[in-house]
Amino acid sequence: MGQKFALDRIQEITDNQTDKAAAKLAGLNHELRQQEERLMQLFQYRTEYNERLQRAAAGGLDSATMRNYHEFLQRLESAILQQHARVVEARTRAEHGRVDWQNSRRKSMTFDTLSQRFELAESREKAAREQKAQDEMAQNRRRQTQAMG
């Protein structure tokens, strides 16, 4: 029974590790989605600002206003590049989290399989012991019957 307790304890630990890895992965995936949404917002804002620039330019712009538009678009491009880097980092962290979760899950499943095999072997041993005990009882009854008869 000591082996069974040890397997149960190990199984509990690996299940907890898998649960923690799954929760961490969920958080990393959430962070990735947020970073991707921010990047998409920046893209959308750049598109809108370019459209605004084109409309303003069609009506005529002085050089200072045009320079302000271009400077702002350069800052927006810089923000897009920085946000893209954040997305790449978040994607990498999420991928590592997925690998960690898969490894943890695989380990948990391995111990689950081992535990099931152990239980099956215990059941077979118990059944064999019970069968042996029944055979011995039947043999003892036959002996008693033969001795009496």
N, C-alpha and C. Protein backbone atom coordinates (compact mmCIF):
# COMPACT_ATOMS: atom_id res chain seq x y z
N MET A 1 0.81 -1.19 0.00
CA MET A 1 0.00 0.00 0.00
C MET A 1 0.86 1.26 0.00
N GLY A 2 2.12 1.15 0.48
CA GLY A 2 3.04 2.29 0.50
C GLY A 2 3.33 2.78 -0.91
N GLN A 3 3.51 1.83 -1.84
CA GLN A 3 3.76 2.21 -3.22
C GLN A 3 2.56 2.95 -3.81
N LYS A 4 1.38 2.48 -3.47
CA LYS A 4 0.16 3.11 -3.98
C LYS A 4 0.05 4.54 -3.45
N PHE A 5 0.34 4.73 -2.17
CA PHE A 5 0.29 6.07 -1.59
C PHE A 5 1.29 6.98 -2.28
N ALA A 6 2.51 6.46 -2.52
CA ALA A 6 3.54 7.27 -3.18
C ALA A 6 3.10 7.65 -4.59
N LEU A 7 2.53 6.70 -5.31
CA LEU A 7 2.03 7.01 -6.66
C LEU A 7 0.91 8.03 -6.62
N ASP A 8 0.00 7.88 -5.66
CA ASP A 8 -1.10 8.84 -5.53
C ASP A 8 -0.56 10.23 -5.24
N ARG A 9 0.43 10.31 -4.38
CA ARG A 9 1.02 11.61 -4.02
C ARG A 9 1.72 12.24 -5.22
N ILE A 10 2.48 11.42 -5.94
CA ILE A 10 3.15 11.93 -7.14
C ILE A 10 2.13 12.38 -8.17
N GLN A 11 1.06 11.60 -8.33
CA GLN A 11 0.00 11.95 -9.28
C GLN A 11 -0.63 13.29 -8.88
N GLU A 12 -0.87 13.47 -7.62
CA GLU A 12 -1.46 14.72 -7.13
C GLU A 12 -0.53 15.91 -7.43
N ILE A 13 0.75 15.72 -7.20
CA ILE A 13 1.72 16.78 -7.45
C ILE A 13 1.77 17.13 -8.95
N THR A 14 1.84 16.11 -9.79
CA THR A 14 1.91 16.37 -11.23
C THR A 14 0.61 16.98 -11.74
N ASP A 15 -0.53 16.57 -11.19
CA ASP A 15 -1.80 17.19 -11.57
C ASP A 15 -1.82 18.67 -11.18
N ASN A 16 -1.32 18.98 -9.99
CA ASN A 16 -1.25 20.38 -9.55
C ASN A 16 -0.33 21.19 -10.45
N GLN A 17 0.81 20.60 -10.82
CA GLN A 17 1.73 21.29 -11.72
C GLN A 17 1.08 21.55 -13.07
N THR A 18 0.32 20.58 -13.55
CA THR A 18 -0.37 20.73 -14.83
C THR A 18 -1.43 21.83 -14.73
N ASP A 19 -2.16 21.86 -13.63
CA ASP A 19 -3.16 22.91 -13.43
C ASP A 19 -2.51 24.29 -13.41
N LYS A 20 -1.38 24.40 -12.71
CA LYS A 20 -0.67 25.69 -12.65
C LYS A 20 -0.15 26.08 -14.02
N ALA A 21 0.38 25.12 -14.75
CA ALA A 21 0.89 25.40 -16.09
C ALA A 21 -0.24 25.83 -17.02
N ALA A 22 -1.42 25.21 -16.87
CA ALA A 22 -2.58 25.58 -17.69
C ALA A 22 -3.05 26.99 -17.35
N ALA A 23 -3.07 27.32 -16.07
CA ALA A 23 -3.47 28.67 -15.66
C ALA A 23 -2.47 29.71 -16.17
N LYS A 24 -1.20 29.38 -16.08
CA LYS A 24 -0.16 30.30 -16.58
C LYS A 24 -0.32 30.48 -18.09
N LEU A 25 -0.56 29.39 -18.80
CA LEU A 25 -0.75 29.46 -20.25
C LEU A 25 -1.95 30.33 -20.60
N ALA A 26 -3.03 30.18 -19.85
CA ALA A 26 -4.22 31.01 -20.10
C ALA A 26 -3.88 32.49 -19.93
N GLY A 27 -3.12 32.81 -18.89
CA GLY A 27 -2.71 34.19 -18.67
C GLY A 27 -1.81 34.70 -19.79
N LEU A 28 -0.89 33.88 -20.23
CA LEU A 28 0.01 34.26 -21.31
C LEU A 28 -0.75 34.47 -22.62
N ASN A 29 -1.72 33.60 -22.88
CA ASN A 29 -2.54 33.75 -24.09
C ASN A 29 -3.38 35.02 -24.02
N HIS A 30 -3.88 35.33 -22.83
CA HIS A 30 -4.66 36.56 -22.64
C HIS A 30 -3.77 37.78 -22.90
N GLU A 31 -2.56 37.75 -22.35
CA GLU A 31 -1.61 38.86 -22.57
C GLU A 31 -1.30 39.00 -24.06
N LEU A 32 -1.09 37.89 -24.74
CA LEU A 32 -0.81 37.92 -26.18
C LEU A 32 -1.96 38.57 -26.94
N ARG A 33 -3.19 38.16 -26.61
CA ARG A 33 -4.35 38.76 -27.30
C ARG A 33 -4.41 40.26 -27.06
N GLN A 34 -4.13 40.69 -25.83
CA GLN A 34 -4.15 42.12 -25.53
C GLN A 34 -3.09 42.87 -26.33
N GLN A 35 -1.89 42.31 -26.40
CA GLN A 35 -0.82 42.95 -27.15
C GLN A 35 -1.17 43.02 -28.64
N GLU A 36 -1.76 41.95 -29.16
CA GLU A 36 -2.17 41.94 -30.57
C GLU A 36 -3.27 42.97 -30.83
N GLU A 37 -4.21 43.10 -29.89
CA GLU A 37 -5.27 44.10 -30.03
C GLU A 37 -4.70 45.51 -30.04
N ARG A 38 -3.73 45.77 -29.16
CA ARG A 38 -3.09 47.10 -29.14
C ARG A 38 -2.41 47.39 -30.46
N LEU A 39 -1.74 46.39 -31.02
CA LEU A 39 -1.08 46.57 -32.31
C LEU A 39 -2.11 46.87 -33.39
N MET A 40 -3.20 46.14 -33.38
CA MET A 40 -4.26 46.38 -34.38
C MET A 40 -4.84 47.79 -34.21
N GLN A 41 -4.99 48.25 -32.99
CA GLN A 41 -5.49 49.61 -32.76
C GLN A 41 -4.53 50.64 -33.32
N LEU A 42 -3.24 50.41 -33.13
CA LEU A 42 -2.24 51.33 -33.69
C LEU A 42 -2.30 51.34 -35.22
N PHE A 43 -2.45 50.17 -35.82
CA PHE A 43 -2.58 50.09 -37.28
C PHE A 43 -3.82 50.88 -37.74
N GLN A 44 -4.91 50.66 -37.03
CA GLN A 44 -6.15 51.34 -37.39
C GLN A 44 -6.00 52.86 -37.23
N TYR A 45 -5.36 53.27 -36.15
CA TYR A 45 -5.17 54.69 -35.91
C TYR A 45 -4.27 55.30 -36.99
N ARG A 46 -3.23 54.57 -37.40
CA ARG A 46 -2.35 55.05 -38.48
C ARG A 46 -3.13 55.22 -39.77
N THR A 47 -3.98 54.25 -40.08
CA THR A 47 -4.79 54.34 -41.30
C THR A 47 -5.71 55.57 -41.24
N GLU A 48 -6.37 55.74 -40.11
CA GLU A 48 -7.27 56.89 -39.95
C GLU A 48 -6.51 58.21 -40.05
N TYR A 49 -5.33 58.26 -39.45
CA TYR A 49 -4.55 59.50 -39.45
C TYR A 49 -4.05 59.80 -40.86
N ASN A 50 -3.65 58.77 -41.61
CA ASN A 50 -3.25 58.97 -43.01
C ASN A 50 -4.41 59.49 -43.84
N GLU A 51 -5.60 58.95 -43.60
CA GLU A 51 -6.79 59.43 -44.32
C GLU A 51 -7.05 60.90 -43.98
N ARG A 52 -6.89 61.23 -42.71
CA ARG A 52 -7.08 62.62 -42.28
C ARG A 52 -6.06 63.54 -42.97
N LEU A 53 -4.83 63.06 -43.06
CA LEU A 53 -3.78 63.83 -43.72
C LEU A 53 -4.12 64.05 -45.19
N GLN A 54 -4.58 63.00 -45.84
CA GLN A 54 -4.92 63.12 -47.27
C GLN A 54 -6.06 64.11 -47.48
N ARG A 55 -7.07 64.06 -46.61
CA ARG A 55 -8.19 65.02 -46.73
C ARG A 55 -7.71 66.45 -46.49
N ALA A 56 -6.85 66.60 -45.49
CA ALA A 56 -6.34 67.94 -45.18
C ALA A 56 -5.45 68.45 -46.31
N ALA A 57 -4.63 67.55 -46.87
CA ALA A 57 -3.73 67.94 -47.96
C ALA A 57 -4.53 68.33 -49.20
N ALA A 58 -5.65 67.66 -49.42
CA ALA A 58 -6.48 67.99 -50.58
C ALA A 58 -7.03 69.41 -50.46
N GLY A 59 -7.24 69.87 -49.24
CA GLY A 59 -7.74 71.23 -49.01
C GLY A 59 -6.61 72.24 -48.94
N GLY A 60 -5.37 71.76 -48.94
CA GLY A 60 -4.21 72.64 -48.87
C GLY A 60 -3.71 72.77 -47.45
N LEU A 61 -2.43 72.51 -47.26
CA LEU A 61 -1.81 72.60 -45.94
C LEU A 61 -0.56 73.45 -46.01
N ASP A 62 -0.31 74.18 -44.96
CA ASP A 62 0.96 74.91 -44.91
C ASP A 62 2.05 73.93 -44.49
N SER A 63 3.31 74.32 -44.67
CA SER A 63 4.43 73.40 -44.43
C SER A 63 4.54 73.00 -42.96
N ALA A 64 4.22 73.87 -42.02
CA ALA A 64 4.31 73.54 -40.59
C ALA A 64 3.29 72.45 -40.23
N THR A 65 2.09 72.57 -40.73
CA THR A 65 1.06 71.58 -40.45
C THR A 65 1.43 70.25 -41.09
N MET A 66 1.94 70.29 -42.31
CA MET A 66 2.35 69.06 -43.01
C MET A 66 3.48 68.39 -42.22
N ARG A 67 4.46 69.18 -41.74
CA ARG A 67 5.57 68.64 -40.96
C ARG A 67 5.04 68.00 -39.67
N ASN A 68 4.07 68.63 -39.02
CA ASN A 68 3.47 68.08 -37.80
C ASN A 68 2.80 66.73 -38.08
N TYR A 69 2.08 66.65 -39.19
CA TYR A 69 1.45 65.38 -39.57
C TYR A 69 2.52 64.30 -39.75
N HIS A 70 3.58 64.62 -40.48
CA HIS A 70 4.62 63.63 -40.76
C HIS A 70 5.38 63.24 -39.50
N GLU A 71 5.65 64.18 -38.62
CA GLU A 71 6.32 63.87 -37.37
C GLU A 71 5.46 62.94 -36.51
N PHE A 72 4.16 63.25 -36.48
CA PHE A 72 3.27 62.39 -35.70
C PHE A 72 3.22 60.99 -36.30
N LEU A 73 3.17 60.90 -37.63
CA LEU A 73 3.15 59.58 -38.29
C LEU A 73 4.45 58.82 -38.01
N GLN A 74 5.58 59.51 -37.93
CA GLN A 74 6.84 58.85 -37.59
C GLN A 74 6.79 58.30 -36.16
N ARG A 75 6.24 59.09 -35.23
CA ARG A 75 6.11 58.62 -33.84
C ARG A 75 5.15 57.42 -33.79
N LEU A 76 4.11 57.48 -34.60
CA LEU A 76 3.15 56.37 -34.66
C LEU A 76 3.82 55.12 -35.23
N GLU A 77 4.65 55.27 -36.25
CA GLU A 77 5.40 54.12 -36.81
C GLU A 77 6.32 53.53 -35.75
N SER A 78 6.98 54.40 -34.99
CA SER A 78 7.86 53.94 -33.92
C SER A 78 7.06 53.16 -32.88
N ALA A 79 5.89 53.67 -32.53
CA ALA A 79 5.03 52.98 -31.56
C ALA A 79 4.58 51.62 -32.11
N ILE A 80 4.30 51.57 -33.40
CA ILE A 80 3.89 50.31 -34.03
C ILE A 80 5.03 49.29 -33.97
N LEU A 81 6.26 49.75 -34.25
CA LEU A 81 7.41 48.84 -34.19
C LEU A 81 7.62 48.32 -32.76
N GLN A 82 7.50 49.21 -31.78
CA GLN A 82 7.66 48.80 -30.38
C GLN A 82 6.56 47.81 -29.99
N GLN A 83 5.33 48.10 -30.41
CA GLN A 83 4.22 47.21 -30.07
C GLN A 83 4.38 45.87 -30.77
N HIS A 84 4.89 45.88 -32.00
CA HIS A 84 5.13 44.62 -32.71
C HIS A 84 6.15 43.78 -31.94
N ALA A 85 7.19 44.43 -31.41
CA ALA A 85 8.18 43.71 -30.60
C ALA A 85 7.53 43.11 -29.36
N ARG A 86 6.60 43.85 -28.76
CA ARG A 86 5.90 43.33 -27.58
C ARG A 86 5.05 42.11 -27.96
N VAL A 87 4.45 42.16 -29.13
CA VAL A 87 3.64 41.02 -29.60
C VAL A 87 4.54 39.80 -29.80
N VAL A 88 5.69 40.01 -30.41
CA VAL A 88 6.63 38.90 -30.64
C VAL A 88 7.06 38.30 -29.30
N GLU A 89 7.38 39.16 -28.32
CA GLU A 89 7.77 38.67 -26.99
C GLU A 89 6.63 37.90 -26.33
N ALA A 90 5.43 38.45 -26.42
CA ALA A 90 4.26 37.78 -25.81
C ALA A 90 3.99 36.45 -26.49
N ARG A 91 4.17 36.41 -27.80
CA ARG A 91 3.97 35.17 -28.56
C ARG A 91 4.99 34.11 -28.13
N THR A 92 6.24 34.55 -27.93
CA THR A 92 7.29 33.63 -27.49
C THR A 92 6.99 33.10 -26.09
N ARG A 93 6.57 34.00 -25.19
CA ARG A 93 6.23 33.55 -23.83
C ARG A 93 5.05 32.58 -23.86
N ALA A 94 4.06 32.85 -24.69
CA ALA A 94 2.90 31.96 -24.80
C ALA A 94 3.32 30.60 -25.35
N GLU A 95 4.21 30.60 -26.31
CA GLU A 95 4.68 29.33 -26.88
C GLU A 95 5.45 28.53 -25.83
N HIS A 96 6.31 29.21 -25.06
CA HIS A 96 7.02 28.51 -23.99
C HIS A 96 6.04 27.98 -22.94
N GLY A 97 5.02 28.78 -22.64
CA GLY A 97 3.99 28.34 -21.69
C GLY A 97 3.25 27.11 -22.20
N ARG A 98 2.98 27.09 -23.52
CA ARG A 98 2.29 25.94 -24.12
C ARG A 98 3.16 24.69 -24.01
N VAL A 99 4.46 24.85 -24.29
CA VAL A 99 5.38 23.71 -24.20
C VAL A 99 5.46 23.22 -22.75
N ASP A 100 5.56 24.16 -21.80
CA ASP A 100 5.60 23.78 -20.38
C ASP A 100 4.34 23.01 -19.99
N TRP A 101 3.18 23.51 -20.43
CA TRP A 101 1.92 22.84 -20.11
C TRP A 101 1.88 21.45 -20.73
N GLN A 102 2.30 21.34 -21.99
CA GLN A 102 2.29 20.03 -22.64
C GLN A 102 3.22 19.05 -21.92
N ASN A 103 4.40 19.51 -21.54
CA ASN A 103 5.32 18.63 -20.81
C ASN A 103 4.74 18.21 -19.47
N SER A 104 4.14 19.15 -18.77
CA SER A 104 3.53 18.85 -17.47
C SER A 104 2.37 17.87 -17.65
N ARG A 105 1.57 18.10 -18.67
CA ARG A 105 0.42 17.21 -18.95
C ARG A 105 0.90 15.81 -19.30
N ARG A 106 1.95 15.74 -20.11
CA ARG A 106 2.50 14.44 -20.50
C ARG A 106 3.00 13.68 -19.27
N LYS A 107 3.68 14.40 -18.38
CA LYS A 107 4.19 13.77 -17.15
C LYS A 107 3.03 13.28 -16.29
N SER A 108 1.99 14.10 -16.16
CA SER A 108 0.83 13.71 -15.37
C SER A 108 0.14 12.48 -15.96
N MET A 109 0.02 12.46 -17.28
CA MET A 109 -0.60 11.31 -17.94
C MET A 109 0.24 10.05 -17.76
N THR A 110 1.57 10.21 -17.75
CA THR A 110 2.46 9.07 -17.55
C THR A 110 2.25 8.47 -16.17
N PHE A 111 2.19 9.35 -15.15
CA PHE A 111 1.97 8.83 -13.79
C PHE A 111 0.56 8.26 -13.64
N ASP A 112 -0.41 8.82 -14.36
CA ASP A 112 -1.76 8.27 -14.33
C ASP A 112 -1.77 6.86 -14.91
N THR A 113 -1.08 6.68 -16.02
CA THR A 113 -0.98 5.35 -16.64
C THR A 113 -0.27 4.38 -15.70
N LEU A 114 0.81 4.84 -15.09
CA LEU A 114 1.55 4.01 -14.15
C LEU A 114 0.67 3.60 -12.97
N SER A 115 -0.09 4.54 -12.47
CA SER A 115 -0.99 4.28 -11.35
C SER A 115 -2.06 3.25 -11.75
N GLN A 116 -2.60 3.41 -12.95
CA GLN A 116 -3.61 2.45 -13.42
C GLN A 116 -3.02 1.06 -13.56
N ARG A 117 -1.81 0.99 -14.08
CA ARG A 117 -1.15 -0.32 -14.22
C ARG A 117 -0.89 -0.95 -12.85
N PHE A 118 -0.48 -0.12 -11.90
CA PHE A 118 -0.23 -0.61 -10.55
C PHE A 118 -1.53 -1.15 -9.94
N GLU A 119 -2.63 -0.40 -10.11
CA GLU A 119 -3.93 -0.85 -9.58
C GLU A 119 -4.36 -2.15 -10.23
N LEU A 120 -4.14 -2.26 -11.54
CA LEU A 120 -4.49 -3.49 -12.25
C LEU A 120 -3.67 -4.67 -11.72
N ALA A 121 -2.38 -4.46 -11.53
CA ALA A 121 -1.51 -5.53 -11.00
C ALA A 121 -1.95 -5.91 -9.59
N GLU A 122 -2.29 -4.91 -8.76
CA GLU A 122 -2.78 -5.19 -7.40
C GLU A 122 -4.06 -6.00 -7.45
N SER A 123 -4.97 -5.64 -8.36
CA SER A 123 -6.24 -6.37 -8.51
C SER A 123 -5.98 -7.82 -8.90
N ARG A 124 -5.08 -8.00 -9.84
CA ARG A 124 -4.76 -9.37 -10.29
C ARG A 124 -4.15 -10.19 -9.15
N GLU A 125 -3.25 -9.56 -8.40
CA GLU A 125 -2.63 -10.26 -7.28
C GLU A 125 -3.68 -10.62 -6.23
N LYS A 126 -4.59 -9.69 -5.96
CA LYS A 126 -5.65 -9.95 -4.98
C LYS A 126 -6.55 -11.08 -5.46
N ALA A 127 -6.91 -11.03 -6.74
CA ALA A 127 -7.76 -12.09 -7.29
C ALA A 127 -7.06 -13.44 -7.22
N ALA A 128 -5.75 -13.46 -7.50
CA ALA A 128 -4.99 -14.71 -7.44
C ALA A 128 -4.94 -15.22 -6.00
N ARG A 129 -4.73 -14.29 -5.03
CA ARG A 129 -4.71 -14.71 -3.62
C ARG A 129 -6.07 -15.26 -3.21
N GLU A 130 -7.13 -14.60 -3.62
CA GLU A 130 -8.48 -15.07 -3.26
C GLU A 130 -8.76 -16.43 -3.89
N GLN A 131 -8.34 -16.59 -5.15
CA GLN A 131 -8.54 -17.87 -5.83
C GLN A 131 -7.76 -18.97 -5.13
N LYS A 132 -6.53 -18.65 -4.74
CA LYS A 132 -5.70 -19.63 -4.04
C LYS A 132 -6.35 -20.00 -2.71
N ALA A 133 -6.86 -19.01 -1.99
CA ALA A 133 -7.52 -19.28 -0.70
C ALA A 133 -8.75 -20.15 -0.92
N GLN A 134 -9.53 -19.87 -1.94
CA GLN A 134 -10.72 -20.68 -2.22
C GLN A 134 -10.33 -22.10 -2.61
N ASP A 135 -9.28 -22.22 -3.42
CA ASP A 135 -8.82 -23.55 -3.82
C ASP A 135 -8.36 -24.35 -2.61
N GLU A 136 -7.64 -23.68 -1.70
CA GLU A 136 -7.17 -24.36 -0.50
C GLU A 136 -8.35 -24.78 0.38
N MET A 137 -9.36 -23.91 0.50
CA MET A 137 -10.54 -24.25 1.31
C MET A 137 -11.26 -25.44 0.68
N ALA A 138 -11.39 -25.43 -0.65
CA ALA A 138 -12.07 -26.54 -1.32
C ALA A 138 -11.28 -27.83 -1.14
N GLN A 139 -9.98 -27.73 -1.24
CA GLN A 139 -9.13 -28.91 -1.06
C GLN A 139 -9.23 -29.43 0.38
N ASN A 140 -9.26 -28.54 1.35
CA ASN A 140 -9.40 -28.94 2.75
C ASN A 140 -10.75 -29.63 2.97
N ARG A 141 -11.82 -29.13 2.35
CA ARG A 141 -13.13 -29.77 2.49
C ARG A 141 -13.14 -31.17 1.88
N ARG A 142 -12.49 -31.29 0.73
CA ARG A 142 -12.40 -32.61 0.11
C ARG A 142 -11.64 -33.59 1.00
N ARG A 143 -10.58 -33.10 1.60
CA ARG A 143 -9.80 -33.96 2.50
C ARG A 143 -10.66 -34.38 3.69
N GLN A 144 -11.39 -33.39 4.24
CA GLN A 144 -12.25 -33.71 5.38
C GLN A 144 -13.34 -34.70 4.99
N THR A 145 -13.88 -34.49 3.80
CA THR A 145 -14.93 -35.38 3.32
C THR A 145 -14.37 -36.78 3.09
N GLN A 146 -13.18 -36.85 2.52
CA GLN A 146 -12.55 -38.16 2.28
C GLN A 146 -12.16 -38.83 3.60
N ALA A 147 -11.73 -38.03 4.56
CA ALA A 147 -11.34 -38.60 5.84
C ALA A 147 -12.57 -39.11 6.58
N MET A 148 -13.68 -38.49 6.44
CA MET A 148 -14.90 -38.91 7.11
C MET A 148 -15.55 -40.09 6.39
N GLY A 149 -15.30 -40.21 5.17
CA GLY A 149 -16.01 -41.18 4.41
C GLY A 149 -15.35 -42.44 4.16
